[in-house]
Amino acid sequence: MAKQARAVATRHQIIDAAAATFDRLGFERASLGEIVEASSGLTKGALYFHFKSKDDLAQAVMDRQHAISIAAVEAISSTAAPALEQIVMLCHEMGRQIVDDPIVRAGIRLTLEFSAGTAPGKPGPYQDWIEACRHLSEIAIAEGDLLPTIEPPTLARFVISAFTGVQMVSNVLDRRADLEQRIDQMWQFLLPGILAPDRRLDSDKIRQARWARDPAMA
């Protein structure tokens, strides 16, 4: 059991080092040698014991990022907050993860890099984020917060697309230092067009919705 635990810890250490390297350099520029150097004393032999190639390592990083993101989706969905507020919470949590977690940053960067290549990229967390937003949009319509004419699949894809654009521009211009503010501005412009008329006075309250993250998830 101790040997198995060490193997699991080593695998996680390699993935952490790979994520830090991919986040800094991207997939093409990152080398296995640089990943080994970033892994605090591990050898290239240990890396090859767990991963056969750089592609395998990149997939492991994206898988871990996907698990982190989906855990947040599920946790937010289990709260008692109204569905529309949960969508706002989800966007801000996605932003926090990108800022604070190198695994998430690396996974997002790899997903975008692979999608820009000749091979079709896997949708990774995006499809799950869109699906979660679609489901919550349906509930928000039933709760009377959203206009009944809203098409949940269309709104969900737009919200996740808008968030993606906001975080990318924030990264280019300000290294994401202003990301929370920019997400709030996104909702400031979006909410007036989608809220049911009798809910518009609650716009500021909805924009202020944040998820109180469990420290155990860190």
C-alpha atoms as a PDB file:
ATOM      1  CA  MET A   1       0.000   0.000   0.000  1.00  0.00           C
ATOM      2  CA  ALA A   2       2.849   2.387   0.842  1.00  0.00           C
ATOM      3  CA  LYS A   3       4.430   1.678  -2.553  1.00  0.00           C
ATOM      4  CA  GLN A   4       1.111   2.353  -4.293  1.00  0.00           C
ATOM      5  CA  ALA A   5       0.658   5.593  -2.349  1.00  0.00           C
ATOM      6  CA  ARG A   6       4.154   6.713  -3.378  1.00  0.00           C
ATOM      7  CA  ALA A   7       3.370   5.923  -7.011  1.00  0.00           C
ATOM      8  CA  VAL A   8       0.175   7.995  -6.851  1.00  0.00           C
ATOM      9  CA  ALA A   9       2.045  10.875  -5.197  1.00  0.00           C
ATOM     10  CA  THR A  10       4.767  10.706  -7.853  1.00  0.00           C
ATOM     11  CA  ARG A  11       2.203  10.756 -10.643  1.00  0.00           C
ATOM     12  CA  HIS A  12       0.530  13.824  -9.127  1.00  0.00           C
ATOM     13  CA  GLN A  13       3.936  15.507  -8.740  1.00  0.00           C
ATOM     14  CA  ILE A  14       4.716  14.915 -12.419  1.00  0.00           C
ATOM     15  CA  ILE A  15       1.308  16.257 -13.496  1.00  0.00           C
ATOM     16  CA  ASP A  16       1.818  19.361 -11.336  1.00  0.00           C
ATOM     17  CA  ALA A  17       5.235  19.956 -12.919  1.00  0.00           C
ATOM     18  CA  ALA A  18       3.840  19.384 -16.403  1.00  0.00           C
ATOM     19  CA  ALA A  19       0.978  21.807 -15.755  1.00  0.00           C
ATOM     20  CA  ALA A  20       3.367  24.522 -14.577  1.00  0.00           C
ATOM     21  CA  THR A  21       5.516  23.994 -17.680  1.00  0.00           C
ATOM     22  CA  PHE A  22       2.612  23.879 -20.149  1.00  0.00           C
ATOM     23  CA  ASP A  23       1.098  26.960 -18.510  1.00  0.00           C
ATOM     24  CA  ARG A  24       4.385  28.833 -18.957  1.00  0.00           C
ATOM     25  CA  LEU A  25       5.485  27.607 -22.381  1.00  0.00           C
ATOM     26  CA  GLY A  26       2.533  25.953 -24.107  1.00  0.00           C
ATOM     27  CA  PHE A  27       2.558  22.435 -25.526  1.00  0.00           C
ATOM     28  CA  GLU A  28       4.942  22.859 -28.459  1.00  0.00           C
ATOM     29  CA  ARG A  29       7.681  24.711 -26.574  1.00  0.00           C
ATOM     30  CA  ALA A  30       7.558  22.569 -23.440  1.00  0.00           C
ATOM     31  CA  SER A  31      10.023  19.676 -23.356  1.00  0.00           C
ATOM     32  CA  LEU A  32      10.094  16.587 -21.182  1.00  0.00           C
ATOM     33  CA  GLY A  33      13.479  17.725 -19.883  1.00  0.00           C
ATOM     34  CA  GLU A  34      11.995  21.003 -18.658  1.00  0.00           C
ATOM     35  CA  ILE A  35       9.119  19.126 -17.032  1.00  0.00           C
ATOM     36  CA  VAL A  36      11.599  16.880 -15.204  1.00  0.00           C
ATOM     37  CA  GLU A  37      13.537  19.966 -14.033  1.00  0.00           C
ATOM     38  CA  ALA A  38      10.307  21.471 -12.700  1.00  0.00           C
ATOM     39  CA  SER A  39       9.391  18.302 -10.786  1.00  0.00           C
ATOM     40  CA  SER A  40      11.811  18.733  -7.854  1.00  0.00           C
ATOM     41  CA  GLY A  41      14.196  15.801  -8.062  1.00  0.00           C
ATOM     42  CA  LEU A  42      12.317  13.274 -10.156  1.00  0.00           C
ATOM     43  CA  THR A  43      14.168  11.549 -12.970  1.00  0.00           C
ATOM     44  CA  LYS A  44      13.204  11.183 -16.614  1.00  0.00           C
ATOM     45  CA  GLY A  45      12.957   7.442 -15.928  1.00  0.00           C
ATOM     46  CA  ALA A  46      10.273   8.089 -13.295  1.00  0.00           C
ATOM     47  CA  LEU A  47       8.402  10.279 -15.761  1.00  0.00           C
ATOM     48  CA  TYR A  48       8.486   7.600 -18.470  1.00  0.00           C
ATOM     49  CA  PHE A  49       7.332   4.987 -15.956  1.00  0.00           C
ATOM     50  CA  HIS A  50       4.068   6.902 -15.556  1.00  0.00           C
ATOM     51  CA  PHE A  51       3.724   8.594 -18.956  1.00  0.00           C
ATOM     52  CA  LYS A  52       4.873   7.349 -22.351  1.00  0.00           C
ATOM     53  CA  SER A  53       4.938  10.716 -24.102  1.00  0.00           C
ATOM     54  CA  LYS A  54       4.362  14.445 -23.818  1.00  0.00           C
ATOM     55  CA  ASP A  55       0.936  13.873 -25.370  1.00  0.00           C
ATOM     56  CA  ASP A  56       0.023  11.513 -22.532  1.00  0.00           C
ATOM     57  CA  LEU A  57       1.150  14.114 -20.010  1.00  0.00           C
ATOM     58  CA  ALA A  58      -0.901  16.835 -21.684  1.00  0.00           C
ATOM     59  CA  GLN A  59      -3.977  14.600 -21.626  1.00  0.00           C
ATOM     60  CA  ALA A  60      -3.439  13.887 -17.931  1.00  0.00           C
ATOM     61  CA  VAL A  61      -3.285  17.633 -17.206  1.00  0.00           C
ATOM     62  CA  MET A  62      -6.480  18.258 -19.174  1.00  0.00           C
ATOM     63  CA  ASP A  63      -8.203  15.355 -17.424  1.00  0.00           C
ATOM     64  CA  ARG A  64      -7.262  16.750 -14.004  1.00  0.00           C
ATOM     65  CA  GLN A  65      -8.418  20.222 -15.016  1.00  0.00           C
ATOM     66  CA  HIS A  66     -11.686  18.776 -16.238  1.00  0.00           C
ATOM     67  CA  ALA A  67     -12.214  16.993 -12.907  1.00  0.00           C
ATOM     68  CA  ILE A  68     -11.526  20.190 -10.948  1.00  0.00           C
ATOM     69  CA  SER A  69     -13.937  22.218 -13.041  1.00  0.00           C
ATOM     70  CA  ILE A  70     -16.726  19.633 -12.987  1.00  0.00           C
ATOM     71  CA  ALA A  71     -16.403  19.262  -9.207  1.00  0.00           C
ATOM     72  CA  ALA A  72     -17.103  22.995  -8.927  1.00  0.00           C
ATOM     73  CA  VAL A  73     -20.087  22.717 -11.289  1.00  0.00           C
ATOM     74  CA  GLU A  74     -21.553  19.930  -9.161  1.00  0.00           C
ATOM     75  CA  ALA A  75     -20.889  21.765  -5.889  1.00  0.00           C
ATOM     76  CA  ILE A  76     -22.533  24.968  -7.121  1.00  0.00           C
ATOM     77  CA  SER A  77     -25.503  22.999  -8.461  1.00  0.00           C
ATOM     78  CA  SER A  78     -26.026  21.499  -5.006  1.00  0.00           C
ATOM     79  CA  THR A  79     -26.523  24.903  -3.361  1.00  0.00           C
ATOM     80  CA  ALA A  80     -29.934  26.374  -2.573  1.00  0.00           C
ATOM     81  CA  ALA A  81     -29.261  29.506  -4.646  1.00  0.00           C
ATOM     82  CA  PRO A  82     -31.634  30.393  -7.499  1.00  0.00           C
ATOM     83  CA  ALA A  83     -30.497  28.939 -10.813  1.00  0.00           C
ATOM     84  CA  LEU A  84     -29.608  32.275 -12.407  1.00  0.00           C
ATOM     85  CA  GLU A  85     -27.408  33.156  -9.441  1.00  0.00           C
ATOM     86  CA  GLN A  86     -25.756  29.743  -9.813  1.00  0.00           C
ATOM     87  CA  ILE A  87     -24.807  30.626 -13.398  1.00  0.00           C
ATOM     88  CA  VAL A  88     -23.193  33.855 -12.153  1.00  0.00           C
ATOM     89  CA  MET A  89     -21.411  31.881  -9.416  1.00  0.00           C
ATOM     90  CA  LEU A  90     -20.158  29.396 -12.005  1.00  0.00           C
ATOM     91  CA  CYS A  91     -18.624  32.131 -14.152  1.00  0.00           C
ATOM     92  CA  HIS A  92     -16.844  33.700 -11.193  1.00  0.00           C
ATOM     93  CA  GLU A  93     -15.600  30.306  -9.966  1.00  0.00           C
ATOM     94  CA  MET A  94     -14.298  29.489 -13.438  1.00  0.00           C
ATOM     95  CA  GLY A  95     -12.471  32.814 -13.371  1.00  0.00           C
ATOM     96  CA  ARG A  96     -11.046  32.161  -9.903  1.00  0.00           C
ATOM     97  CA  GLN A  97      -9.779  28.741 -10.967  1.00  0.00           C
ATOM     98  CA  ILE A  98      -8.039  30.176 -14.021  1.00  0.00           C
ATOM     99  CA  VAL A  99      -6.330  32.825 -11.882  1.00  0.00           C
ATOM    100  CA  ASP A 100      -5.402  30.653  -8.889  1.00  0.00           C
ATOM    101  CA  ASP A 101      -4.870  27.119 -10.175  1.00  0.00           C
ATOM    102  CA  PRO A 102      -2.000  26.304 -12.591  1.00  0.00           C
ATOM    103  CA  ILE A 103      -3.646  22.972 -13.435  1.00  0.00           C
ATOM    104  CA  VAL A 104      -6.737  24.801 -14.682  1.00  0.00           C
ATOM    105  CA  ARG A 105      -4.701  27.439 -16.550  1.00  0.00           C
ATOM    106  CA  ALA A 106      -2.625  24.756 -18.241  1.00  0.00           C
ATOM    107  CA  GLY A 107      -5.658  22.648 -19.110  1.00  0.00           C
ATOM    108  CA  ILE A 108      -7.454  25.605 -20.667  1.00  0.00           C
ATOM    109  CA  ARG A 109      -4.329  26.619 -22.605  1.00  0.00           C
ATOM    110  CA  LEU A 110      -3.829  23.081 -23.912  1.00  0.00           C
ATOM    111  CA  THR A 111      -7.491  22.757 -24.912  1.00  0.00           C
ATOM    112  CA  LEU A 112      -7.320  26.019 -26.867  1.00  0.00           C
ATOM    113  CA  GLU A 113      -3.963  25.141 -28.475  1.00  0.00           C
ATOM    114  CA  PHE A 114      -5.135  21.708 -29.581  1.00  0.00           C
ATOM    115  CA  SER A 115      -8.415  23.095 -30.922  1.00  0.00           C
ATOM    116  CA  ALA A 116      -6.423  25.498 -33.101  1.00  0.00           C
ATOM    117  CA  GLY A 117      -4.429  22.659 -34.685  1.00  0.00           C
ATOM    118  CA  THR A 118      -5.223  20.461 -37.630  1.00  0.00           C
ATOM    119  CA  ALA A 119      -6.597  17.667 -35.430  1.00  0.00           C
ATOM    120  CA  PRO A 120      -9.994  18.345 -33.899  1.00  0.00           C
ATOM    121  CA  GLY A 121      -9.647  19.396 -30.274  1.00  0.00           C
ATOM    122  CA  LYS A 122     -11.661  17.768 -27.539  1.00  0.00           C
ATOM    123  CA  PRO A 123     -14.302  20.111 -26.107  1.00  0.00           C
ATOM    124  CA  GLY A 124     -13.070  19.252 -22.613  1.00  0.00           C
ATOM    125  CA  PRO A 125     -14.753  21.321 -19.929  1.00  0.00           C
ATOM    126  CA  TYR A 126     -16.477  23.661 -22.371  1.00  0.00           C
ATOM    127  CA  GLN A 127     -19.205  21.221 -23.343  1.00  0.00           C
ATOM    128  CA  ASP A 128     -19.854  20.396 -19.687  1.00  0.00           C
ATOM    129  CA  TRP A 129     -19.941  24.080 -18.746  1.00  0.00           C
ATOM    130  CA  ILE A 130     -22.397  24.744 -21.561  1.00  0.00           C
ATOM    131  CA  GLU A 131     -24.560  21.791 -20.536  1.00  0.00           C
ATOM    132  CA  ALA A 132     -24.595  22.922 -16.898  1.00  0.00           C
ATOM    133  CA  CYS A 133     -25.513  26.447 -17.962  1.00  0.00           C
ATOM    134  CA  ARG A 134     -28.262  25.118 -20.250  1.00  0.00           C
ATOM    135  CA  HIS A 135     -29.783  23.078 -17.426  1.00  0.00           C
ATOM    136  CA  LEU A 136     -29.642  26.028 -15.026  1.00  0.00           C
ATOM    137  CA  SER A 137     -31.157  28.325 -17.663  1.00  0.00           C
ATOM    138  CA  GLU A 138     -34.161  26.009 -17.958  1.00  0.00           C
ATOM    139  CA  ILE A 139     -34.620  26.130 -14.192  1.00  0.00           C
ATOM    140  CA  ALA A 140     -34.192  29.929 -14.144  1.00  0.00           C
ATOM    141  CA  ILE A 141     -37.004  30.272 -16.692  1.00  0.00           C
ATOM    142  CA  ALA A 142     -39.230  28.052 -14.531  1.00  0.00           C
ATOM    143  CA  GLU A 143     -38.306  30.157 -11.486  1.00  0.00           C
ATOM    144  CA  GLY A 144     -39.379  33.295 -13.339  1.00  0.00           C
ATOM    145  CA  ASP A 145     -35.977  34.981 -13.419  1.00  0.00           C
ATOM    146  CA  LEU A 146     -35.359  34.674 -17.165  1.00  0.00           C
ATOM    147  CA  LEU A 147     -37.598  35.718 -20.031  1.00  0.00           C
ATOM    148  CA  PRO A 148     -39.709  32.741 -21.165  1.00  0.00           C
ATOM    149  CA  THR A 149     -38.637  33.437 -24.763  1.00  0.00           C
ATOM    150  CA  ILE A 150     -35.009  32.606 -23.938  1.00  0.00           C
ATOM    151  CA  GLU A 151     -33.680  29.452 -25.636  1.00  0.00           C
ATOM    152  CA  PRO A 152     -31.540  27.750 -22.937  1.00  0.00           C
ATOM    153  CA  PRO A 153     -29.043  26.058 -25.330  1.00  0.00           C
ATOM    154  CA  THR A 154     -28.424  29.358 -27.133  1.00  0.00           C
ATOM    155  CA  LEU A 155     -28.039  31.341 -23.917  1.00  0.00           C
ATOM    156  CA  ALA A 156     -25.744  28.713 -22.409  1.00  0.00           C
ATOM    157  CA  ARG A 157     -23.390  28.709 -25.381  1.00  0.00           C
ATOM    158  CA  PHE A 158     -23.365  32.510 -25.488  1.00  0.00           C
ATOM    159  CA  VAL A 159     -22.581  32.852 -21.766  1.00  0.00           C
ATOM    160  CA  ILE A 160     -19.650  30.412 -21.911  1.00  0.00           C
ATOM    161  CA  SER A 161     -18.400  31.983 -25.155  1.00  0.00           C
ATOM    162  CA  ALA A 162     -18.626  35.466 -23.625  1.00  0.00           C
ATOM    163  CA  PHE A 163     -16.789  34.302 -20.516  1.00  0.00           C
ATOM    164  CA  THR A 164     -14.050  32.728 -22.647  1.00  0.00           C
ATOM    165  CA  GLY A 165     -13.558  35.956 -24.580  1.00  0.00           C
ATOM    166  CA  VAL A 166     -13.551  38.050 -21.416  1.00  0.00           C
ATOM    167  CA  GLN A 167     -10.902  35.918 -19.716  1.00  0.00           C
ATOM    168  CA  MET A 168      -8.701  35.780 -22.823  1.00  0.00           C
ATOM    169  CA  VAL A 169      -8.739  39.559 -23.324  1.00  0.00           C
ATOM    170  CA  SER A 170      -8.146  40.067 -19.606  1.00  0.00           C
ATOM    171  CA  ASN A 171      -5.114  37.784 -19.881  1.00  0.00           C
ATOM    172  CA  VAL A 172      -3.708  39.617 -22.907  1.00  0.00           C
ATOM    173  CA  LEU A 173      -4.189  43.124 -21.495  1.00  0.00           C
ATOM    174  CA  ASP A 174      -3.830  42.700 -17.732  1.00  0.00           C
ATOM    175  CA  ARG A 175      -2.578  39.141 -17.041  1.00  0.00           C
ATOM    176  CA  ARG A 176      -6.081  38.502 -15.625  1.00  0.00           C
ATOM    177  CA  ALA A 177      -5.550  40.894 -12.702  1.00  0.00           C
ATOM    178  CA  ASP A 178      -8.932  42.480 -13.499  1.00  0.00           C
ATOM    179  CA  LEU A 179     -10.777  39.278 -14.408  1.00  0.00           C
ATOM    180  CA  GLU A 180     -13.338  39.341 -11.589  1.00  0.00           C
ATOM    181  CA  GLN A 181     -14.220  42.948 -12.457  1.00  0.00           C
ATOM    182  CA  ARG A 182     -14.554  42.079 -16.157  1.00  0.00           C
ATOM    183  CA  ILE A 183     -16.823  39.107 -15.423  1.00  0.00           C
ATOM    184  CA  ASP A 184     -19.010  41.385 -13.312  1.00  0.00           C
ATOM    185  CA  GLN A 185     -19.163  43.870 -16.191  1.00  0.00           C
ATOM    186  CA  MET A 186     -20.151  41.073 -18.545  1.00  0.00           C
ATOM    187  CA  TRP A 187     -23.171  40.338 -16.379  1.00  0.00           C
ATOM    188  CA  GLN A 188     -23.927  44.049 -15.984  1.00  0.00           C
ATOM    189  CA  PHE A 189     -24.429  44.269 -19.751  1.00  0.00           C
ATOM    190  CA  LEU A 190     -26.048  40.855 -20.180  1.00  0.00           C
ATOM    191  CA  LEU A 191     -28.672  40.757 -17.432  1.00  0.00           C
ATOM    192  CA  PRO A 192     -30.927  43.622 -18.633  1.00  0.00           C
ATOM    193  CA  GLY A 193     -31.551  41.753 -21.880  1.00  0.00           C
ATOM    194  CA  ILE A 194     -32.466  38.382 -20.347  1.00  0.00           C
ATOM    195  CA  LEU A 195     -34.176  39.128 -17.020  1.00  0.00           C
ATOM    196  CA  ALA A 196     -37.939  38.881 -16.728  1.00  0.00           C
ATOM    197  CA  PRO A 197     -39.385  42.426 -16.324  1.00  0.00           C
ATOM    198  CA  ASP A 198     -40.469  41.941 -12.707  1.00  0.00           C
ATOM    199  CA  ARG A 199     -36.988  40.648 -11.768  1.00  0.00           C
ATOM    200  CA  ARG A 200     -34.958  43.558 -13.148  1.00  0.00           C
ATOM    201  CA  LEU A 201     -34.861  45.329  -9.799  1.00  0.00           C
ATOM    202  CA  ASP A 202     -32.908  42.295  -8.514  1.00  0.00           C
ATOM    203  CA  SER A 203     -30.160  42.714 -11.121  1.00  0.00           C
ATOM    204  CA  ASP A 204     -27.533  43.992  -8.650  1.00  0.00           C
ATOM    205  CA  LYS A 205     -28.269  41.173  -6.189  1.00  0.00           C
ATOM    206  CA  ILE A 206     -27.905  38.575  -8.945  1.00  0.00           C
ATOM    207  CA  ARG A 207     -24.597  40.089 -10.106  1.00  0.00           C
ATOM    208  CA  GLN A 208     -23.213  39.882  -6.565  1.00  0.00           C
ATOM    209  CA  ALA A 209     -23.837  36.135  -6.287  1.00  0.00           C
ATOM    210  CA  ARG A 210     -20.682  34.249  -5.328  1.00  0.00           C
ATOM    211  CA  TRP A 211     -20.074  30.664  -4.316  1.00  0.00           C
ATOM    212  CA  ALA A 212     -18.649  30.137  -0.828  1.00  0.00           C
ATOM    213  CA  ARG A 213     -16.092  27.490  -1.788  1.00  0.00           C
ATOM    214  CA  ASP A 214     -15.384  24.676   0.644  1.00  0.00           C
ATOM    215  CA  PRO A 215     -11.674  24.923   1.651  1.00  0.00           C
ATOM    216  CA  ALA A 216     -11.522  21.123   1.498  1.00  0.00           C
ATOM    217  CA  MET A 217     -11.822  21.376  -2.310  1.00  0.00           C
ATOM    218  CA  ALA A 218      -8.571  23.345  -2.549  1.00  0.00           C
END
